[in-house]
Amino acid sequence: MPNDTSSRSSRSSRDLTGASPARQRPRTAGPLPILTAAVLWGTTGTASSLAPAGTSAAAIGAAGLVLGGLLLFLTAPGGRSLPGSCTGGERRLLVLGALAVAGYPLTFYPAVARTGVAVATVIALGGAPVFAGLLAWLTRRSRPTARWATATAAAVLGCTVLVLGPEFAGAAAPVDLVGVLLAGLAGLSYAVYALVGGRLIARGHGSGAVMGVLFGGAALLVLPVLLWSAGPWLLTARGALVVLYLGAATTFLCYRLFGYGLRYTAAQTATTLTLVEPAVAAVLGVVVLGERLPAVSWCGLAVLALGIVFLAFPADSGRRKH
């Protein structure tokens, strides 16, 4: 990733979403890094399933966040000096963003334990773009567009059908309200740190520095959880390799890409694009783990794909003004 420690004078050349003028970069400069990150995030379920038997999901998630967060902070250009160069309001945003990053695994994994992977995934990832759009609107930063609303509705519907498809044919399980609430909080946490990161990047701060501080702070916040839940599994070759992959690939690399994408993409759009994650996870489950998906899930996957393509690749993306 290039050194993107931009000067304060560059702020006037960007809009409120952090995007540079269209003539300076291709229309897909933001969506493509975010979609790449989402594809890698889709491998986390398959990777974590390779951990030693009996390892808790919360422990794996905390270990990956601690390793990846520290790597992001230590390698970020300008990361150590960012808090000192921020205004008081921006420092408060950094604290809020770090709390939101730490809050995601601390709410999502308990939600999975109470409601199951399918329901927790739909509520958290499906709710994140809705929360992001509403929060951006309420803070008067960005009014949702018709394209975003249409694409998000299609993507959320497709994600829901894809993930819950196997359950549609079976008996309905009782709803765990606490689990649903935790999954909703996870989606809200995701939306908050995406919006915080996007706002700070739009103000001229380097995307690497912003992600480094947010995730470095979150790593320190969840370190006690890791120390409390760590066990012998972490010292095994398989456990160490799983944590290394989750920390280096799905946290360090992915959030470098995500931060870069936020330079050119509104946070509410970015959270919609990352709905690719459950699609990748489902396909990997079929190809690698031998799972089966019913026809209705494949239909949901098609609807999800159409929504993402509609949002990421507008019909006029190839047109040039003369």
Protein backbone atom coordinates (compact mmCIF):
# COMPACT_ATOMS: atom_id res chain seq x y z
CA MET A 1 0.00 0.00 0.00
CA PRO A 2 1.46 3.43 -0.88
CA ASN A 3 2.36 5.98 1.75
CA ASP A 4 -0.83 8.01 2.00
CA THR A 5 0.07 10.54 4.69
CA SER A 6 -1.76 13.34 2.91
CA SER A 7 -1.42 16.97 3.91
CA ARG A 8 -4.19 19.05 5.41
CA SER A 9 -4.23 21.13 2.23
CA SER A 10 -5.60 18.13 0.35
CA ARG A 11 -8.88 18.25 2.24
CA SER A 12 -10.43 20.72 -0.13
CA SER A 13 -9.95 18.30 -3.02
CA ARG A 14 -12.12 15.62 -1.45
CA ASP A 15 -15.82 15.42 -0.76
CA LEU A 16 -17.42 14.31 2.50
CA THR A 17 -17.04 10.64 1.62
CA GLY A 18 -13.28 10.97 1.26
CA ALA A 19 -13.44 10.61 -2.49
CA SER A 20 -11.05 12.45 -4.75
CA PRO A 21 -12.43 14.09 -7.89
CA ALA A 22 -13.55 11.51 -10.45
CA ARG A 23 -11.04 12.71 -13.07
CA GLN A 24 -8.14 11.72 -10.80
CA ARG A 25 -9.02 8.07 -10.33
CA PRO A 26 -11.19 5.33 -11.88
CA ARG A 27 -14.70 4.78 -10.59
CA THR A 28 -13.72 1.36 -9.22
CA ALA A 29 -10.74 2.62 -7.19
CA GLY A 30 -12.80 2.43 -4.00
CA PRO A 31 -15.03 -0.61 -4.59
CA LEU A 32 -12.31 -3.00 -5.79
CA PRO A 33 -10.11 -2.86 -2.64
CA ILE A 34 -13.21 -3.19 -0.45
CA LEU A 35 -14.51 -6.15 -2.46
CA THR A 36 -11.07 -7.78 -2.25
CA ALA A 37 -11.10 -7.35 1.52
CA ALA A 38 -14.63 -8.81 1.71
CA VAL A 39 -13.55 -11.88 -0.29
CA LEU A 40 -10.73 -12.49 2.19
CA TRP A 41 -13.08 -11.92 5.14
CA GLY A 42 -15.25 -14.64 3.68
CA THR A 43 -12.44 -17.13 4.38
CA THR A 44 -12.42 -16.53 8.14
CA GLY A 45 -15.05 -19.18 8.90
CA THR A 46 -13.21 -21.84 6.94
CA ALA A 47 -9.88 -20.82 8.49
CA SER A 48 -11.20 -20.78 12.06
CA SER A 49 -12.72 -24.24 11.54
CA LEU A 50 -9.16 -25.55 11.18
CA ALA A 51 -8.24 -24.49 14.73
CA PRO A 52 -7.70 -27.23 17.35
CA ALA A 53 -10.91 -28.81 18.62
CA GLY A 54 -12.48 -27.10 21.59
CA THR A 55 -11.10 -23.64 20.83
CA SER A 56 -13.70 -20.95 21.45
CA ALA A 57 -14.61 -18.62 18.60
CA ALA A 58 -14.20 -15.59 20.89
CA ALA A 59 -10.61 -16.60 21.69
CA ILE A 60 -9.76 -17.02 18.01
CA GLY A 61 -11.34 -13.68 17.12
CA ALA A 62 -9.55 -11.88 19.96
CA ALA A 63 -6.19 -13.40 18.98
CA GLY A 64 -6.61 -12.38 15.35
CA LEU A 65 -7.62 -8.84 16.30
CA VAL A 66 -4.71 -8.40 18.72
CA LEU A 67 -2.13 -9.59 16.18
CA GLY A 68 -3.63 -7.76 13.20
CA GLY A 69 -4.36 -4.59 15.15
CA LEU A 70 -0.81 -4.31 16.44
CA LEU A 71 0.59 -4.98 12.95
CA LEU A 72 -1.64 -2.24 11.52
CA PHE A 73 -0.51 0.25 14.14
CA LEU A 74 3.22 -0.57 14.03
CA THR A 75 3.44 -0.45 10.21
CA ALA A 76 1.11 2.50 9.55
CA PRO A 77 2.86 5.58 8.13
CA GLY A 78 2.09 8.40 10.53
CA GLY A 79 0.13 6.18 12.90
CA ARG A 80 2.08 7.07 16.04
CA SER A 81 1.85 10.80 15.38
CA LEU A 82 -1.80 10.81 14.31
CA PRO A 83 -3.40 11.39 17.75
CA GLY A 84 -1.13 14.38 18.36
CA SER A 85 -1.97 15.95 14.99
CA CYS A 86 -5.72 15.58 15.47
CA THR A 87 -8.09 18.15 16.88
CA GLY A 88 -9.91 17.42 20.12
CA GLY A 89 -13.00 16.32 18.21
CA GLU A 90 -10.97 14.03 15.96
CA ARG A 91 -9.31 12.40 18.97
CA ARG A 92 -12.75 11.67 20.38
CA LEU A 93 -13.64 10.07 17.05
CA LEU A 94 -10.51 7.89 17.31
CA VAL A 95 -11.59 6.70 20.76
CA LEU A 96 -15.13 6.03 19.55
CA GLY A 97 -13.81 4.13 16.53
CA ALA A 98 -11.46 1.97 18.63
CA LEU A 99 -14.30 1.12 21.00
CA ALA A 100 -16.49 0.17 18.03
CA VAL A 101 -13.76 -2.05 16.52
CA ALA A 102 -13.31 -3.82 19.86
CA GLY A 103 -17.05 -4.07 20.32
CA TYR A 104 -17.64 -6.02 17.12
CA PRO A 105 -16.04 -9.36 18.14
CA LEU A 106 -17.23 -8.96 21.73
CA THR A 107 -20.85 -8.80 20.54
CA PHE A 108 -20.81 -10.87 17.35
CA TYR A 109 -19.29 -14.07 18.74
CA PRO A 110 -21.66 -14.24 21.74
CA ALA A 111 -24.50 -13.62 19.28
CA VAL A 112 -23.32 -16.58 17.22
CA ALA A 113 -23.31 -18.74 20.35
CA ARG A 114 -26.91 -17.77 21.17
CA THR A 115 -28.56 -17.54 17.74
CA GLY A 116 -26.30 -19.55 15.44
CA VAL A 117 -24.01 -18.42 12.66
CA ALA A 118 -26.77 -17.86 10.08
CA VAL A 119 -29.00 -15.54 12.10
CA ALA A 120 -26.10 -13.61 13.64
CA THR A 121 -24.48 -13.10 10.22
CA VAL A 122 -27.66 -11.84 8.60
CA ILE A 123 -28.46 -9.40 11.42
CA ALA A 124 -24.91 -8.08 11.86
CA LEU A 125 -23.76 -7.83 8.25
CA GLY A 126 -27.22 -7.11 6.86
CA GLY A 127 -27.85 -4.42 9.45
CA ALA A 128 -24.47 -2.68 9.09
CA PRO A 129 -25.16 -0.86 5.79
CA VAL A 130 -28.59 0.19 7.04
CA PHE A 131 -27.06 1.59 10.24
CA ALA A 132 -24.31 3.28 8.24
CA GLY A 133 -26.80 4.93 5.89
CA LEU A 134 -29.01 6.14 8.74
CA LEU A 135 -26.08 7.43 10.80
CA ALA A 136 -24.60 9.25 7.81
CA TRP A 137 -27.99 10.83 7.16
CA LEU A 138 -28.58 11.79 10.81
CA THR A 139 -25.17 13.43 11.08
CA ARG A 140 -25.96 15.36 7.88
CA ARG A 141 -22.89 14.03 6.13
CA SER A 142 -24.56 12.25 3.25
CA ARG A 143 -28.12 11.70 2.08
CA PRO A 144 -28.66 8.12 0.84
CA THR A 145 -29.05 7.92 -2.93
CA ALA A 146 -31.66 5.93 -4.79
CA ARG A 147 -28.91 3.72 -6.26
CA TRP A 148 -27.53 2.95 -2.80
CA ALA A 149 -30.99 2.23 -1.37
CA THR A 150 -31.92 -0.08 -4.28
CA ALA A 151 -28.60 -1.95 -4.25
CA THR A 152 -28.58 -2.27 -0.46
CA ALA A 153 -32.14 -3.60 -0.36
CA ALA A 154 -31.27 -6.21 -3.00
CA ALA A 155 -28.00 -7.15 -1.30
CA VAL A 156 -29.57 -7.49 2.17
CA LEU A 157 -32.46 -9.54 0.76
CA GLY A 158 -30.07 -11.78 -1.14
CA CYS A 159 -27.82 -12.19 1.90
CA THR A 160 -30.81 -13.15 4.05
CA VAL A 161 -32.09 -15.74 1.57
CA LEU A 162 -28.58 -17.11 0.99
CA VAL A 163 -27.71 -17.58 4.66
CA LEU A 164 -31.12 -18.62 5.97
CA GLY A 165 -32.03 -20.78 2.97
CA PRO A 166 -31.14 -24.08 4.68
CA GLU A 167 -33.42 -23.17 7.59
CA PHE A 168 -36.45 -22.24 5.49
CA ALA A 169 -37.33 -25.89 4.92
CA GLY A 170 -36.97 -26.86 8.58
CA ALA A 171 -38.93 -26.06 11.69
CA ALA A 172 -38.51 -22.54 13.00
CA ALA A 173 -36.27 -22.34 16.02
CA PRO A 174 -37.23 -20.13 18.98
CA VAL A 175 -35.84 -16.61 18.72
CA ASP A 176 -33.21 -15.62 21.29
CA LEU A 177 -33.86 -11.91 21.84
CA VAL A 178 -30.55 -11.35 23.64
CA GLY A 179 -28.68 -12.96 20.75
CA VAL A 180 -30.57 -10.83 18.22
CA LEU A 181 -29.76 -7.69 20.23
CA LEU A 182 -26.06 -8.62 20.40
CA ALA A 183 -25.96 -9.25 16.64
CA GLY A 184 -27.61 -5.87 16.06
CA LEU A 185 -25.00 -4.20 18.28
CA ALA A 186 -22.28 -5.92 16.23
CA GLY A 187 -23.75 -4.45 13.04
CA LEU A 188 -23.94 -1.03 14.69
CA SER A 189 -20.30 -1.34 15.82
CA TYR A 190 -19.22 -2.15 12.27
CA ALA A 191 -21.15 0.81 10.88
CA VAL A 192 -19.70 3.19 13.49
CA TYR A 193 -16.06 2.38 12.89
CA ALA A 194 -16.55 2.46 9.11
CA LEU A 195 -18.11 5.93 9.39
CA VAL A 196 -15.44 7.14 11.84
CA GLY A 197 -12.67 5.89 9.58
CA GLY A 198 -14.29 7.43 6.51
CA ARG A 199 -14.76 10.80 8.22
CA LEU A 200 -11.15 11.01 9.45
CA ILE A 201 -9.79 9.97 6.04
CA ALA A 202 -12.02 12.57 4.37
CA ARG A 203 -10.44 15.21 6.60
CA GLY A 204 -7.04 14.52 5.08
CA HIS A 205 -5.55 11.92 7.42
CA GLY A 206 -3.81 8.93 5.86
CA SER A 207 -5.99 5.84 5.59
CA GLY A 208 -3.19 3.60 6.89
CA ALA A 209 -2.67 5.82 9.92
CA VAL A 210 -6.39 5.95 10.71
CA MET A 211 -6.86 2.17 10.48
CA GLY A 212 -3.64 1.62 12.43
CA VAL A 213 -4.76 3.76 15.36
CA LEU A 214 -8.32 2.39 15.39
CA PHE A 215 -7.22 -1.24 15.33
CA GLY A 216 -4.17 -0.74 17.50
CA GLY A 217 -6.39 0.79 20.17
CA ALA A 218 -8.92 -2.01 19.78
CA ALA A 219 -6.13 -4.60 20.11
CA LEU A 220 -5.21 -3.18 23.51
CA LEU A 221 -8.86 -3.18 24.56
CA VAL A 222 -9.39 -6.88 23.74
CA LEU A 223 -5.99 -8.03 25.00
CA PRO A 224 -7.44 -8.91 28.45
CA VAL A 225 -10.04 -11.10 26.70
CA LEU A 226 -7.26 -12.95 24.88
CA LEU A 227 -5.19 -13.40 28.04
CA TRP A 228 -8.24 -14.72 29.89
CA SER A 229 -9.29 -17.13 27.13
CA ALA A 230 -5.90 -18.22 25.81
CA GLY A 231 -5.09 -21.89 26.24
CA PRO A 232 -2.70 -24.55 25.02
CA TRP A 233 -4.26 -24.39 21.55
CA LEU A 234 -2.40 -21.12 20.89
CA LEU A 235 0.97 -22.88 21.25
CA THR A 236 0.16 -25.64 18.75
CA ALA A 237 1.29 -25.37 15.13
CA ARG A 238 -2.29 -25.48 13.85
CA GLY A 239 -3.52 -22.87 16.32
CA ALA A 240 -0.60 -20.54 15.62
CA LEU A 241 -1.10 -20.81 11.84
CA VAL A 242 -4.81 -20.04 12.13
CA VAL A 243 -4.13 -16.96 14.27
CA LEU A 244 -1.34 -15.86 11.92
CA TYR A 245 -3.68 -16.07 8.92
CA LEU A 246 -6.53 -14.28 10.68
CA GLY A 247 -4.22 -11.57 12.02
CA ALA A 248 -2.00 -11.00 8.99
CA ALA A 249 -4.46 -11.61 6.14
CA THR A 250 -8.03 -11.01 7.30
CA THR A 251 -7.20 -8.17 9.70
CA PHE A 252 -3.91 -6.49 8.69
CA LEU A 253 -4.17 -6.80 4.91
CA CYS A 254 -7.95 -6.52 4.72
CA TYR A 255 -8.20 -3.33 6.76
CA ARG A 256 -5.37 -1.75 4.81
CA LEU A 257 -7.47 -2.42 1.71
CA PHE A 258 -10.67 -1.31 3.44
CA GLY A 259 -9.07 1.94 4.61
CA TYR A 260 -7.74 2.63 1.13
CA GLY A 261 -11.19 2.01 -0.32
CA LEU A 262 -12.73 4.45 2.16
CA ARG A 263 -10.64 7.21 0.57
CA TYR A 264 -12.91 7.00 -2.47
CA THR A 265 -16.08 5.32 -1.20
CA ALA A 266 -18.75 6.43 1.27
CA ALA A 267 -18.91 4.29 4.42
CA GLN A 268 -22.54 3.32 3.80
CA THR A 269 -21.58 2.06 0.34
CA ALA A 270 -18.54 0.22 1.72
CA THR A 271 -20.62 -1.67 4.28
CA THR A 272 -23.01 -2.76 1.54
CA LEU A 273 -20.14 -4.02 -0.63
CA THR A 274 -18.82 -6.16 2.22
CA LEU A 275 -22.00 -8.25 2.05
CA VAL A 276 -19.89 -10.24 -0.43
CA GLU A 277 -18.34 -11.85 2.68
CA PRO A 278 -21.18 -14.31 3.49
CA ALA A 279 -21.42 -15.22 -0.19
CA VAL A 280 -17.74 -16.19 -0.28
CA ALA A 281 -18.11 -18.05 3.01
CA ALA A 282 -21.07 -20.03 1.64
CA VAL A 283 -19.26 -20.99 -1.57
CA LEU A 284 -16.14 -22.03 0.37
CA GLY A 285 -18.35 -24.13 2.65
CA VAL A 286 -19.62 -26.00 -0.40
CA VAL A 287 -16.27 -26.34 -2.18
CA VAL A 288 -13.89 -26.89 0.76
CA LEU A 289 -16.01 -28.25 3.60
CA GLY A 290 -18.48 -30.30 1.54
CA GLU A 291 -21.56 -28.43 2.73
CA ARG A 292 -24.74 -28.31 0.63
CA LEU A 293 -26.88 -25.32 -0.25
CA PRO A 294 -30.53 -25.58 -1.32
CA ALA A 295 -31.74 -23.98 -4.53
CA VAL A 296 -33.26 -21.04 -2.63
CA SER A 297 -29.82 -20.14 -1.24
CA TRP A 298 -28.33 -20.10 -4.73
CA CYS A 299 -31.15 -17.75 -5.77
CA GLY A 300 -30.26 -15.51 -2.84
CA LEU A 301 -26.64 -15.55 -3.93
CA ALA A 302 -27.67 -14.38 -7.41
CA VAL A 303 -29.74 -11.50 -6.00
CA LEU A 304 -26.88 -10.51 -3.70
CA ALA A 305 -24.45 -10.52 -6.63
CA LEU A 306 -26.76 -8.33 -8.73
CA GLY A 307 -27.06 -5.80 -5.91
CA ILE A 308 -23.29 -5.62 -5.45
CA VAL A 309 -22.61 -5.27 -9.18
CA PHE A 310 -25.29 -2.56 -9.46
CA LEU A 311 -23.62 -0.58 -6.66
CA ALA A 312 -19.95 -1.18 -7.45
CA PHE A 313 -20.06 -0.89 -11.24
CA PRO A 314 -22.52 1.79 -12.36
CA ALA A 315 -23.69 1.62 -15.94
CA ASP A 316 -21.97 4.93 -16.74
CA SER A 317 -18.62 3.93 -15.21
CA GLY A 318 -17.04 3.58 -18.60
CA ARG A 319 -18.43 6.78 -20.12
CA ARG A 320 -16.21 9.80 -20.59
CA LYS A 321 -17.27 13.39 -20.80
CA HIS A 322 -15.97 15.23 -23.83
